[in-house]
C-alpha atoms as a PDB file:
ATOM      1  CA  MET A   1      50.378  42.902 -16.055  1.00  0.00           C
ATOM      2  CA  SER A   2      49.942  42.954 -19.832  1.00  0.00           C
ATOM      3  CA  GLU A   3      51.436  40.333 -22.133  1.00  0.00           C
ATOM      4  CA  LEU A   4      53.917  42.890 -23.450  1.00  0.00           C
ATOM      5  CA  SER A   5      54.941  43.896 -19.936  1.00  0.00           C
ATOM      6  CA  GLU A   6      55.537  40.233 -19.075  1.00  0.00           C
ATOM      7  CA  ARG A   7      57.735  39.818 -22.160  1.00  0.00           C
ATOM      8  CA  ILE A   8      59.716  42.925 -21.239  1.00  0.00           C
ATOM      9  CA  GLN A   9      60.246  41.613 -17.709  1.00  0.00           C
ATOM     10  CA  GLN A  10      61.398  38.243 -19.064  1.00  0.00           C
ATOM     11  CA  VAL A  11      63.999  39.864 -21.330  1.00  0.00           C
ATOM     12  CA  LEU A  12      65.203  42.068 -18.499  1.00  0.00           C
ATOM     13  CA  ASP A  13      65.496  39.058 -16.150  1.00  0.00           C
ATOM     14  CA  LYS A  14      67.158  36.714 -18.639  1.00  0.00           C
ATOM     15  CA  ASP A  15      69.297  38.886 -20.907  1.00  0.00           C
ATOM     16  CA  ILE A  16      69.937  42.233 -19.227  1.00  0.00           C
ATOM     17  CA  ARG A  17      69.848  42.041 -15.439  1.00  0.00           C
ATOM     18  CA  PRO A  18      72.612  39.400 -15.059  1.00  0.00           C
ATOM     19  CA  ALA A  19      75.098  41.531 -17.012  1.00  0.00           C
ATOM     20  CA  LEU A  20      74.286  44.645 -15.009  1.00  0.00           C
ATOM     21  CA  GLN A  21      74.504  42.747 -11.713  1.00  0.00           C
ATOM     22  CA  MET A  22      77.998  41.578 -12.590  1.00  0.00           C
ATOM     23  CA  ASP A  23      79.032  45.241 -12.407  1.00  0.00           C
ATOM     24  CA  GLY A  24      77.094  45.975  -9.207  1.00  0.00           C
ATOM     25  CA  GLY A  25      74.034  47.433 -10.906  1.00  0.00           C
ATOM     26  CA  ASP A  26      70.503  46.457 -11.740  1.00  0.00           C
ATOM     27  CA  VAL A  27      67.483  47.595 -13.731  1.00  0.00           C
ATOM     28  CA  GLU A  28      63.852  47.959 -12.661  1.00  0.00           C
ATOM     29  CA  PHE A  29      60.979  47.871 -15.144  1.00  0.00           C
ATOM     30  CA  VAL A  30      58.600  50.717 -14.299  1.00  0.00           C
ATOM     31  CA  LYS A  31      56.013  50.708 -17.109  1.00  0.00           C
ATOM     32  CA  GLU A  32      55.324  50.528 -20.830  1.00  0.00           C
ATOM     33  CA  VAL A  33      53.020  52.919 -22.675  1.00  0.00           C
ATOM     34  CA  ASP A  34      52.497  52.792 -26.446  1.00  0.00           C
ATOM     35  CA  GLY A  35      55.845  51.066 -27.064  1.00  0.00           C
ATOM     36  CA  VAL A  36      57.835  53.356 -24.806  1.00  0.00           C
ATOM     37  CA  VAL A  37      59.411  51.468 -21.912  1.00  0.00           C
ATOM     38  CA  GLN A  38      60.396  53.233 -18.690  1.00  0.00           C
ATOM     39  CA  VAL A  39      63.131  51.673 -16.579  1.00  0.00           C
ATOM     40  CA  ARG A  40      65.165  52.740 -13.591  1.00  0.00           C
ATOM     41  CA  LEU A  41      68.859  51.909 -13.391  1.00  0.00           C
ATOM     42  CA  GLN A  42      69.871  50.965  -9.857  1.00  0.00           C
ATOM     43  CA  GLY A  43      72.962  50.310  -7.782  1.00  0.00           C
ATOM     44  CA  ALA A  44      76.251  51.132  -9.471  1.00  0.00           C
ATOM     45  CA  CYS A  45      74.414  51.782 -12.748  1.00  0.00           C
ATOM     46  CA  GLY A  46      72.192  54.458 -11.215  1.00  0.00           C
ATOM     47  CA  GLY A  47      74.980  56.952 -10.560  1.00  0.00           C
ATOM     48  CA  CYS A  48      77.445  55.850 -13.214  1.00  0.00           C
ATOM     49  CA  PRO A  49      78.682  58.449 -15.713  1.00  0.00           C
ATOM     50  CA  MET A  50      78.009  55.828 -18.406  1.00  0.00           C
ATOM     51  CA  ALA A  51      74.330  55.360 -17.396  1.00  0.00           C
ATOM     52  CA  ALA A  52      73.000  57.023 -20.548  1.00  0.00           C
ATOM     53  CA  TYR A  53      75.101  54.685 -22.704  1.00  0.00           C
ATOM     54  CA  THR A  54      74.013  51.674 -20.629  1.00  0.00           C
ATOM     55  CA  LEU A  55      70.383  52.634 -21.100  1.00  0.00           C
ATOM     56  CA  ALA A  56      70.526  53.350 -24.829  1.00  0.00           C
ATOM     57  CA  GLY A  57      73.384  51.136 -25.978  1.00  0.00           C
ATOM     58  CA  PHE A  58      72.635  48.080 -23.925  1.00  0.00           C
ATOM     59  CA  VAL A  59      69.173  47.981 -22.343  1.00  0.00           C
ATOM     60  CA  GLU A  60      67.295  49.568 -25.256  1.00  0.00           C
ATOM     61  CA  GLU A  61      69.249  47.667 -27.891  1.00  0.00           C
ATOM     62  CA  ARG A  62      68.555  44.283 -26.277  1.00  0.00           C
ATOM     63  CA  LEU A  63      64.876  44.991 -25.583  1.00  0.00           C
ATOM     64  CA  LYS A  64      64.256  46.202 -29.154  1.00  0.00           C
ATOM     65  CA  ALA A  65      66.044  43.175 -30.608  1.00  0.00           C
ATOM     66  CA  ALA A  66      63.887  40.793 -28.541  1.00  0.00           C
ATOM     67  CA  ILE A  67      60.607  42.721 -28.789  1.00  0.00           C
ATOM     68  CA  PRO A  68      60.278  44.622 -32.084  1.00  0.00           C
ATOM     69  CA  GLU A  69      57.183  46.564 -30.996  1.00  0.00           C
ATOM     70  CA  ILE A  70      59.259  48.541 -28.497  1.00  0.00           C
ATOM     71  CA  LYS A  71      59.907  52.003 -29.870  1.00  0.00           C
ATOM     72  CA  GLU A  72      62.095  53.519 -27.161  1.00  0.00           C
ATOM     73  CA  VAL A  73      63.513  52.911 -23.681  1.00  0.00           C
ATOM     74  CA  VAL A  74      63.687  55.934 -21.410  1.00  0.00           C
ATOM     75  CA  PRO A  75      64.691  56.542 -17.785  1.00  0.00           C
ATOM     76  CA  ALA A  76      61.813  56.680 -15.319  1.00  0.00           C
ATOM     77  CA  GLY A  77      61.366  60.129 -13.862  1.00  0.00           C
END
């Protein structure tokens, strides 16, 4: 795992995952390529009508704030 991937995983574990788990959801880090991070929302977050907001307004915002070299966070396909 690259140094950047490890930093992403740390931010997910420390700052993002606990909040999502409080609502019955979770997030899985899939991969990072050229500053674009792919994640998969799970549990209650996976099928939630607010999933797009959770991804962009929460997950992406927090990751970019902690790791400036991240350009975008997208759902894994």
